[in-house]
């Protein structure tokens, strides 16, 4: 999906798989108008019985000439009910 969105928006796509899901993959995606200098997917720690998580780090050079890095992730917070 990230590749198709990149094609349609004329942006650079990157996808980092966190887990397999329903015959496909689930994870983090980034679209950028800038070329990626470096990308890195990091699997995050998780506890048994919970979904695996990952983050996606992207490094690029923006119009000002500055090099920036950012990390995107999706966390899931489950609140246990207290009796």
PDB file of N, CA and C in Angstrom:
ATOM      1  N   UNK A   1       0.814  -1.179   0.000  1.00  0.00           N
ATOM      2  CA  UNK A   1       0.000   0.000   0.000  1.00  0.00           C
ATOM      3  C   UNK A   1       0.873   1.265   0.000  1.00  0.00           C
ATOM      4  N   UNK A   2       1.958   1.259   0.765  1.00  0.00           N
ATOM      5  CA  UNK A   2       2.833   2.431   0.798  1.00  0.00           C
ATOM      6  C   UNK A   2       3.404   2.732  -0.589  1.00  0.00           C
ATOM      7  N   UNK A   3       3.777   1.688  -1.312  1.00  0.00           N
ATOM      8  CA  UNK A   3       4.320   1.880  -2.664  1.00  0.00           C
ATOM      9  C   UNK A   3       3.283   2.502  -3.584  1.00  0.00           C
ATOM     10  N   UNK A   4       2.058   2.022  -3.528  1.00  0.00           N
ATOM     11  CA  UNK A   4       0.989   2.555  -4.376  1.00  0.00           C
ATOM     12  C   UNK A   4       0.670   4.006  -3.999  1.00  0.00           C
ATOM     13  N   UNK A   5       0.608   4.301  -2.713  1.00  0.00           N
ATOM     14  CA  UNK A   5       0.372   5.683  -2.285  1.00  0.00           C
ATOM     15  C   UNK A   5       1.511   6.598  -2.733  1.00  0.00           C
ATOM     16  N   UNK A   6       2.734   6.110  -2.653  1.00  0.00           N
ATOM     17  CA  UNK A   6       3.875   6.880  -3.131  1.00  0.00           C
ATOM     18  C   UNK A   6       3.776   7.175  -4.617  1.00  0.00           C
ATOM     19  N   UNK A   7       3.384   6.175  -5.388  1.00  0.00           N
ATOM     20  CA  UNK A   7       3.229   6.363  -6.830  1.00  0.00           C
ATOM     21  C   UNK A   7       2.155   7.409  -7.132  1.00  0.00           C
ATOM     22  N   UNK A   8       1.031   7.298  -6.444  1.00  0.00           N
ATOM     23  CA  UNK A   8      -0.084   8.208  -6.714  1.00  0.00           C
ATOM     24  C   UNK A   8       0.179   9.639  -6.252  1.00  0.00           C
ATOM     25  N   UNK A   9       0.967   9.804  -5.215  1.00  0.00           N
ATOM     26  CA  UNK A   9       1.252  11.139  -4.683  1.00  0.00           C
ATOM     27  C   UNK A   9       2.590  11.695  -5.171  1.00  0.00           C
ATOM     28  N   UNK A  10       3.342  10.861  -5.907  1.00  0.00           N
ATOM     29  CA  UNK A  10       4.684  11.230  -6.377  1.00  0.00           C
ATOM     30  C   UNK A  10       5.609  11.553  -5.196  1.00  0.00           C
ATOM     31  N   UNK A  11       5.456  10.751  -4.142  1.00  0.00           N
ATOM     32  CA  UNK A  11       6.282  10.898  -2.945  1.00  0.00           C
ATOM     33  C   UNK A  11       7.085   9.617  -2.741  1.00  0.00           C
ATOM     34  N   UNK A  12       8.174   9.724  -1.981  1.00  0.00           N
ATOM     35  CA  UNK A  12       8.999   8.553  -1.662  1.00  0.00           C
ATOM     36  C   UNK A  12       8.315   7.751  -0.548  1.00  0.00           C
ATOM     37  N   UNK A  13       8.063   6.442  -0.783  1.00  0.00           N
ATOM     38  CA  UNK A  13       7.421   5.630   0.246  1.00  0.00           C
ATOM     39  C   UNK A  13       8.414   4.718   0.958  1.00  0.00           C
ATOM     40  N   UNK A  14       8.120   4.427   2.213  1.00  0.00           N
ATOM     41  CA  UNK A  14       8.861   3.406   2.955  1.00  0.00           C
ATOM     42  C   UNK A  14       7.871   2.732   3.901  1.00  0.00           C
ATOM     43  N   UNK A  15       8.038   1.419   4.081  1.00  0.00           N
ATOM     44  CA  UNK A  15       7.174   0.650   4.979  1.00  0.00           C
ATOM     45  C   UNK A  15       8.049  -0.243   5.841  1.00  0.00           C
ATOM     46  N   UNK A  16       7.718  -0.318   7.118  1.00  0.00           N
ATOM     47  CA  UNK A  16       8.411  -1.203   8.048  1.00  0.00           C
ATOM     48  C   UNK A  16       7.418  -2.149   8.693  1.00  0.00           C
ATOM     49  N   UNK A  17       7.558  -3.427   8.419  1.00  0.00           N
ATOM     50  CA  UNK A  17       6.621  -4.435   8.933  1.00  0.00           C
ATOM     51  C   UNK A  17       6.800  -4.627  10.441  1.00  0.00           C
ATOM     52  N   UNK A  18       5.682  -4.570  11.157  1.00  0.00           N
ATOM     53  CA  UNK A  18       5.684  -4.879  12.589  1.00  0.00           C
ATOM     54  C   UNK A  18       5.234  -6.318  12.816  1.00  0.00           C
ATOM     55  N   UNK A  19       4.271  -6.783  11.986  1.00  0.00           N
ATOM     56  CA  UNK A  19       3.773  -8.147  12.149  1.00  0.00           C
ATOM     57  C   UNK A  19       2.993  -8.570  10.903  1.00  0.00           C
ATOM     58  N   UNK A  20       2.820  -9.864  10.762  1.00  0.00           N
ATOM     59  CA  UNK A  20       1.940 -10.403   9.721  1.00  0.00           C
ATOM     60  C   UNK A  20       0.506 -10.255  10.220  1.00  0.00           C
ATOM     61  N   UNK A  21      -0.412  -9.968   9.287  1.00  0.00           N
ATOM     62  CA  UNK A  21      -1.802  -9.773   9.691  1.00  0.00           C
ATOM     63  C   UNK A  21      -2.732 -10.086   8.526  1.00  0.00           C
ATOM     64  N   UNK A  22      -3.651 -11.001   8.735  1.00  0.00           N
ATOM     65  CA  UNK A  22      -4.739 -11.283   7.792  1.00  0.00           C
ATOM     66  C   UNK A  22      -4.232 -11.509   6.368  1.00  0.00           C
ATOM     67  N   UNK A  23      -3.150 -12.268   6.227  1.00  0.00           N
ATOM     68  CA  UNK A  23      -2.585 -12.575   4.917  1.00  0.00           C
ATOM     69  C   UNK A  23      -1.694 -11.482   4.356  1.00  0.00           C
ATOM     70  N   UNK A  24      -1.478 -10.434   5.116  1.00  0.00           N
ATOM     71  CA  UNK A  24      -0.625  -9.331   4.667  1.00  0.00           C
ATOM     72  C   UNK A  24       0.317  -8.906   5.776  1.00  0.00           C
ATOM     73  N   UNK A  25       0.628  -7.640   5.783  1.00  0.00           N
ATOM     74  CA  UNK A  25       1.557  -7.101   6.770  1.00  0.00           C
ATOM     75  C   UNK A  25       0.974  -5.846   7.400  1.00  0.00           C
ATOM     76  N   UNK A  26       1.325  -5.625   8.671  1.00  0.00           N
ATOM     77  CA  UNK A  26       0.881  -4.477   9.447  1.00  0.00           C
ATOM     78  C   UNK A  26       2.124  -3.789   9.978  1.00  0.00           C
ATOM     79  N   UNK A  27       2.174  -2.466   9.899  1.00  0.00           N
ATOM     80  CA  UNK A  27       3.358  -1.775  10.388  1.00  0.00           C
ATOM     81  C   UNK A  27       3.281  -0.292  10.179  1.00  0.00           C
ATOM     82  N   UNK A  28       4.445   0.329  10.041  1.00  0.00           N
ATOM     83  CA  UNK A  28       4.571   1.774   9.913  1.00  0.00           C
ATOM     84  C   UNK A  28       4.868   2.147   8.473  1.00  0.00           C
ATOM     85  N   UNK A  29       4.258   3.217   8.012  1.00  0.00           N
ATOM     86  CA  UNK A  29       4.526   3.721   6.676  1.00  0.00           C
ATOM     87  C   UNK A  29       4.813   5.214   6.715  1.00  0.00           C
ATOM     88  N   UNK A  30       5.694   5.663   5.839  1.00  0.00           N
ATOM     89  CA  UNK A  30       6.020   7.089   5.712  1.00  0.00           C
ATOM     90  C   UNK A  30       6.038   7.437   4.231  1.00  0.00           C
ATOM     91  N   UNK A  31       5.436   8.575   3.900  1.00  0.00           N
ATOM     92  CA  UNK A  31       5.543   9.168   2.566  1.00  0.00           C
ATOM     93  C   UNK A  31       6.278  10.494   2.728  1.00  0.00           C
ATOM     94  N   UNK A  32       7.203  10.788   1.823  1.00  0.00           N
ATOM     95  CA  UNK A  32       7.984  12.016   1.936  1.00  0.00           C
ATOM     96  C   UNK A  32       8.217  12.640   0.575  1.00  0.00           C
ATOM     97  N   UNK A  33       8.199  13.964   0.535  1.00  0.00           N
ATOM     98  CA  UNK A  33       8.560  14.643  -0.715  1.00  0.00           C
ATOM     99  C   UNK A  33      10.073  14.704  -0.875  1.00  0.00           C
ATOM    100  N   UNK A  34      10.809  14.305   0.164  1.00  0.00           N
ATOM    101  CA  UNK A  34      12.266  14.264   0.135  1.00  0.00           C
ATOM    102  C   UNK A  34      12.759  12.832  -0.016  1.00  0.00           C
ATOM    103  N   UNK A  35      13.929  12.681  -0.619  1.00  0.00           N
ATOM    104  CA  UNK A  35      14.553  11.368  -0.754  1.00  0.00           C
ATOM    105  C   UNK A  35      15.086  10.925   0.601  1.00  0.00           C
ATOM    106  N   UNK A  36      14.941   9.657   0.901  1.00  0.00           N
ATOM    107  CA  UNK A  36      15.455   9.117   2.160  1.00  0.00           C
ATOM    108  C   UNK A  36      16.959   8.896   2.052  1.00  0.00           C
ATOM    109  N   UNK A  37      17.706   9.412   3.013  1.00  0.00           N
ATOM    110  CA  UNK A  37      19.135   9.114   3.091  1.00  0.00           C
ATOM    111  C   UNK A  37      19.344   7.768   3.771  1.00  0.00           C
ATOM    112  N   UNK A  38      18.532   7.532   4.798  1.00  0.00           N
ATOM    113  CA  UNK A  38      18.641   6.292   5.566  1.00  0.00           C
ATOM    114  C   UNK A  38      17.290   5.997   6.197  1.00  0.00           C
ATOM    115  N   UNK A  39      16.946   4.719   6.256  1.00  0.00           N
ATOM    116  CA  UNK A  39      15.743   4.283   6.963  1.00  0.00           C
ATOM    117  C   UNK A  39      16.106   3.079   7.818  1.00  0.00           C
ATOM    118  N   UNK A  40      15.372   2.929   8.895  1.00  0.00           N
ATOM    119  CA  UNK A  40      15.647   1.802   9.787  1.00  0.00           C
ATOM    120  C   UNK A  40      14.373   1.437  10.527  1.00  0.00           C
ATOM    121  N   UNK A  41      14.016   0.154  10.493  1.00  0.00           N
ATOM    122  CA  UNK A  41      12.897  -0.351  11.276  1.00  0.00           C
ATOM    123  C   UNK A  41      13.460  -1.003  12.529  1.00  0.00           C
ATOM    124  N   UNK A  42      12.858  -0.672  13.673  1.00  0.00           N
ATOM    125  CA  UNK A  42      13.291  -1.246  14.943  1.00  0.00           C
ATOM    126  C   UNK A  42      12.110  -1.963  15.579  1.00  0.00           C
ATOM    127  N   UNK A  43      12.273  -3.246  15.839  1.00  0.00           N
ATOM    128  CA  UNK A  43      11.234  -4.000  16.548  1.00  0.00           C
ATOM    129  C   UNK A  43      11.273  -3.599  18.016  1.00  0.00           C
ATOM    130  N   UNK A  44      10.123  -3.261  18.559  1.00  0.00           N
ATOM    131  CA  UNK A  44      10.034  -2.827  19.947  1.00  0.00           C
ATOM    132  C   UNK A  44       9.710  -4.007  20.857  1.00  0.00           C
ATOM    133  N   UNK A  45      10.109  -3.923  22.120  1.00  0.00           N
ATOM    134  CA  UNK A  45       9.781  -5.003  23.050  1.00  0.00           C
ATOM    135  C   UNK A  45       8.266  -5.075  23.272  1.00  0.00           C
ATOM    136  N   UNK A  46       7.784  -6.259  23.524  1.00  0.00           N
ATOM    137  CA  UNK A  46       6.360  -6.449  23.791  1.00  0.00           C
ATOM    138  C   UNK A  46       6.195  -7.631  24.736  1.00  0.00           C
ATOM    139  N   UNK A  47       5.053  -7.689  25.372  1.00  0.00           N
ATOM    140  CA  UNK A  47       4.799  -8.781  26.304  1.00  0.00           C
ATOM    141  C   UNK A  47       3.947  -9.853  25.633  1.00  0.00           C
ATOM    142  N   UNK A  48       4.090 -11.071  26.111  1.00  0.00           N
ATOM    143  CA  UNK A  48       3.348 -12.211  25.580  1.00  0.00           C
ATOM    144  C   UNK A  48       1.853 -11.912  25.595  1.00  0.00           C
ATOM    145  N   UNK A  49       1.197 -12.235  24.495  1.00  0.00           N
ATOM    146  CA  UNK A  49      -0.236 -12.010  24.388  1.00  0.00           C
ATOM    147  C   UNK A  49      -0.600 -10.669  23.783  1.00  0.00           C
ATOM    148  N   UNK A  50       0.373  -9.803  23.568  1.00  0.00           N
ATOM    149  CA  UNK A  50       0.131  -8.504  22.945  1.00  0.00           C
ATOM    150  C   UNK A  50       0.735  -8.469  21.550  1.00  0.00           C
ATOM    151  N   UNK A  51       0.223  -7.573  20.713  1.00  0.00           N
ATOM    152  CA  UNK A  51       0.736  -7.438  19.351  1.00  0.00           C
ATOM    153  C   UNK A  51       2.172  -6.927  19.373  1.00  0.00           C
ATOM    154  N   UNK A  52       2.942  -7.387  18.388  1.00  0.00           N
ATOM    155  CA  UNK A  52       4.297  -6.853  18.238  1.00  0.00           C
ATOM    156  C   UNK A  52       4.204  -5.422  17.722  1.00  0.00           C
ATOM    157  N   UNK A  53       5.185  -4.631  18.056  1.00  0.00           N
ATOM    158  CA  UNK A  53       5.236  -3.221  17.639  1.00  0.00           C
ATOM    159  C   UNK A  53       6.608  -2.922  17.049  1.00  0.00           C
ATOM    160  N   UNK A  54       6.652  -1.884  16.229  1.00  0.00           N
ATOM    161  CA  UNK A  54       7.919  -1.463  15.628  1.00  0.00           C
ATOM    162  C   UNK A  54       7.888   0.043  15.457  1.00  0.00           C
ATOM    163  N   UNK A  55       9.064   0.625  15.279  1.00  0.00           N
ATOM    164  CA  UNK A  55       9.108   2.022  14.863  1.00  0.00           C
ATOM    165  C   UNK A  55       9.915   2.111  13.579  1.00  0.00           C
ATOM    166  N   UNK A  56       9.728   3.198  12.880  1.00  0.00           N
ATOM    167  CA  UNK A  56      10.388   3.416  11.599  1.00  0.00           C
ATOM    168  C   UNK A  56      11.127   4.749  11.684  1.00  0.00           C
ATOM    169  N   UNK A  57      12.449   4.702  11.553  1.00  0.00           N
ATOM    170  CA  UNK A  57      13.276   5.901  11.607  1.00  0.00           C
ATOM    171  C   UNK A  57      13.660   6.310  10.190  1.00  0.00           C
ATOM    172  N   UNK A  58      13.517   7.583   9.889  1.00  0.00           N
ATOM    173  CA  UNK A  58      13.800   8.114   8.559  1.00  0.00           C
ATOM    174  C   UNK A  58      14.764   9.296   8.703  1.00  0.00           C
ATOM    175  N   UNK A  59      15.798   9.337   7.870  1.00  0.00           N
ATOM    176  CA  UNK A  59      16.716  10.464   7.811  1.00  0.00           C
ATOM    177  C   UNK A  59      16.678  11.025   6.396  1.00  0.00           C
ATOM    178  N   UNK A  60      16.583  12.366   6.290  1.00  0.00           N
ATOM    179  CA  UNK A  60      16.484  13.020   4.999  1.00  0.00           C
ATOM    180  C   UNK A  60      17.088  14.420   5.081  1.00  0.00           C
ATOM    181  N   UNK A  61      17.298  15.038   3.937  1.00  0.00           N
ATOM    182  CA  UNK A  61      17.755  16.430   3.875  1.00  0.00           C
ATOM    183  C   UNK A  61      16.591  17.272   3.371  1.00  0.00           C
ATOM    184  N   UNK A  62      16.252  18.323   4.116  1.00  0.00           N
ATOM    185  CA  UNK A  62      15.138  19.190   3.732  1.00  0.00           C
ATOM    186  C   UNK A  62      15.653  20.387   2.919  1.00  0.00           C
ATOM    187  N   UNK A  63      14.729  21.191   2.409  1.00  0.00           N
ATOM    188  CA  UNK A  63      15.088  22.302   1.504  1.00  0.00           C
ATOM    189  C   UNK A  63      16.137  23.246   2.060  1.00  0.00           C
ATOM    190  N   UNK A  64      16.164  23.467   3.360  1.00  0.00           N
ATOM    191  CA  UNK A  64      17.140  24.380   3.965  1.00  0.00           C
ATOM    192  C   UNK A  64      18.557  23.811   3.946  1.00  0.00           C
ATOM    193  N   UNK A  65      18.670  22.513   3.603  1.00  0.00           N
ATOM    194  CA  UNK A  65      19.962  21.841   3.620  1.00  0.00           C
ATOM    195  C   UNK A  65      20.233  21.101   4.915  1.00  0.00           C
ATOM    196  N   UNK A  66      19.337  21.272   5.882  1.00  0.00           N
ATOM    197  CA  UNK A  66      19.478  20.565   7.158  1.00  0.00           C
ATOM    198  C   UNK A  66      19.131  19.093   7.002  1.00  0.00           C
ATOM    199  N   UNK A  67      19.875  18.263   7.701  1.00  0.00           N
ATOM    200  CA  UNK A  67      19.567  16.837   7.766  1.00  0.00           C
ATOM    201  C   UNK A  67      18.713  16.603   9.000  1.00  0.00           C
ATOM    202  N   UNK A  68      17.578  15.948   8.824  1.00  0.00           N
ATOM    203  CA  UNK A  68      16.707  15.655   9.957  1.00  0.00           C
ATOM    204  C   UNK A  68      16.430  14.154  10.024  1.00  0.00           C
ATOM    205  N   UNK A  69      16.162  13.698  11.206  1.00  0.00           N
ATOM    206  CA  UNK A  69      15.715  12.322  11.439  1.00  0.00           C
ATOM    207  C   UNK A  69      14.444  12.382  12.261  1.00  0.00           C
ATOM    208  N   UNK A  70      13.529  11.489  11.981  1.00  0.00           N
ATOM    209  CA  UNK A  70      12.355  11.365  12.829  1.00  0.00           C
ATOM    210  C   UNK A  70      11.964   9.907  12.928  1.00  0.00           C
ATOM    211  N   UNK A  71      11.222   9.609  13.968  1.00  0.00           N
ATOM    212  CA  UNK A  71      10.773   8.239  14.226  1.00  0.00           C
ATOM    213  C   UNK A  71       9.263   8.251  14.341  1.00  0.00           C
ATOM    214  N   UNK A  72       8.630   7.348  13.608  1.00  0.00           N
ATOM    215  CA  UNK A  72       7.184   7.181  13.685  1.00  0.00           C
ATOM    216  C   UNK A  72       6.851   5.804  14.224  1.00  0.00           C
ATOM    217  N   UNK A  73       5.811   5.738  15.026  1.00  0.00           N
ATOM    218  CA  UNK A  73       5.366   4.455  15.560  1.00  0.00           C
ATOM    219  C   UNK A  73       3.888   4.532  15.885  1.00  0.00           C
ATOM    220  N   UNK A  74       3.306   3.398  16.170  1.00  0.00           N
ATOM    221  CA  UNK A  74       1.916   3.294  16.597  1.00  0.00           C
ATOM    222  C   UNK A  74       1.916   2.438  17.848  1.00  0.00           C
ATOM    223  N   UNK A  75       1.508   3.029  18.950  1.00  0.00           N
ATOM    224  CA  UNK A  75       1.466   2.291  20.207  1.00  0.00           C
ATOM    225  C   UNK A  75       0.017   1.959  20.550  1.00  0.00           C
ATOM    226  N   UNK A  76      -0.165   0.923  21.308  1.00  0.00           N
ATOM    227  CA  UNK A  76      -1.494   0.484  21.710  1.00  0.00           C
ATOM    228  C   UNK A  76      -1.534   0.440  23.225  1.00  0.00           C
ATOM    229  N   UNK A  77      -2.367   1.267  23.790  1.00  0.00           N
ATOM    230  CA  UNK A  77      -2.497   1.282  25.248  1.00  0.00           C
ATOM    231  C   UNK A  77      -3.800   0.626  25.650  1.00  0.00           C
ATOM    232  N   UNK A  78      -3.697  -0.411  26.418  1.00  0.00           N
ATOM    233  CA  UNK A  78      -4.882  -1.080  26.938  1.00  0.00           C
ATOM    234  C   UNK A  78      -4.965  -0.790  28.422  1.00  0.00           C
ATOM    235  N   UNK A  79      -6.078  -0.252  28.842  1.00  0.00           N
ATOM    236  CA  UNK A  79      -6.243   0.058  30.260  1.00  0.00           C
ATOM    237  C   UNK A  79      -6.961  -1.106  30.926  1.00  0.00           C
ATOM    238  N   UNK A  80      -6.303  -1.708  31.897  1.00  0.00           N
ATOM    239  CA  UNK A  80      -6.937  -2.778  32.652  1.00  0.00           C
ATOM    240  C   UNK A  80      -7.996  -2.177  33.564  1.00  0.00           C
ATOM    241  N   UNK A  81      -9.137  -2.845  33.600  1.00  0.00           N
ATOM    242  CA  UNK A  81     -10.183  -2.386  34.509  1.00  0.00           C
ATOM    243  C   UNK A  81      -9.807  -2.742  35.940  1.00  0.00           C
ATOM    244  N   UNK A  82     -10.074  -1.825  36.831  1.00  0.00           N
ATOM    245  CA  UNK A  82      -9.795  -2.066  38.252  1.00  0.00           C
ATOM    246  C   UNK A  82     -11.108  -2.360  38.940  1.00  0.00           C
ATOM    247  N   UNK A  83     -11.145  -3.471  39.650  1.00  0.00           N
ATOM    248  CA  UNK A  83     -12.384  -3.846  40.369  1.00  0.00           C
ATOM    249  C   UNK A  83     -12.514  -3.099  41.659  1.00  0.00           C
TER     250      UNK A  83
END
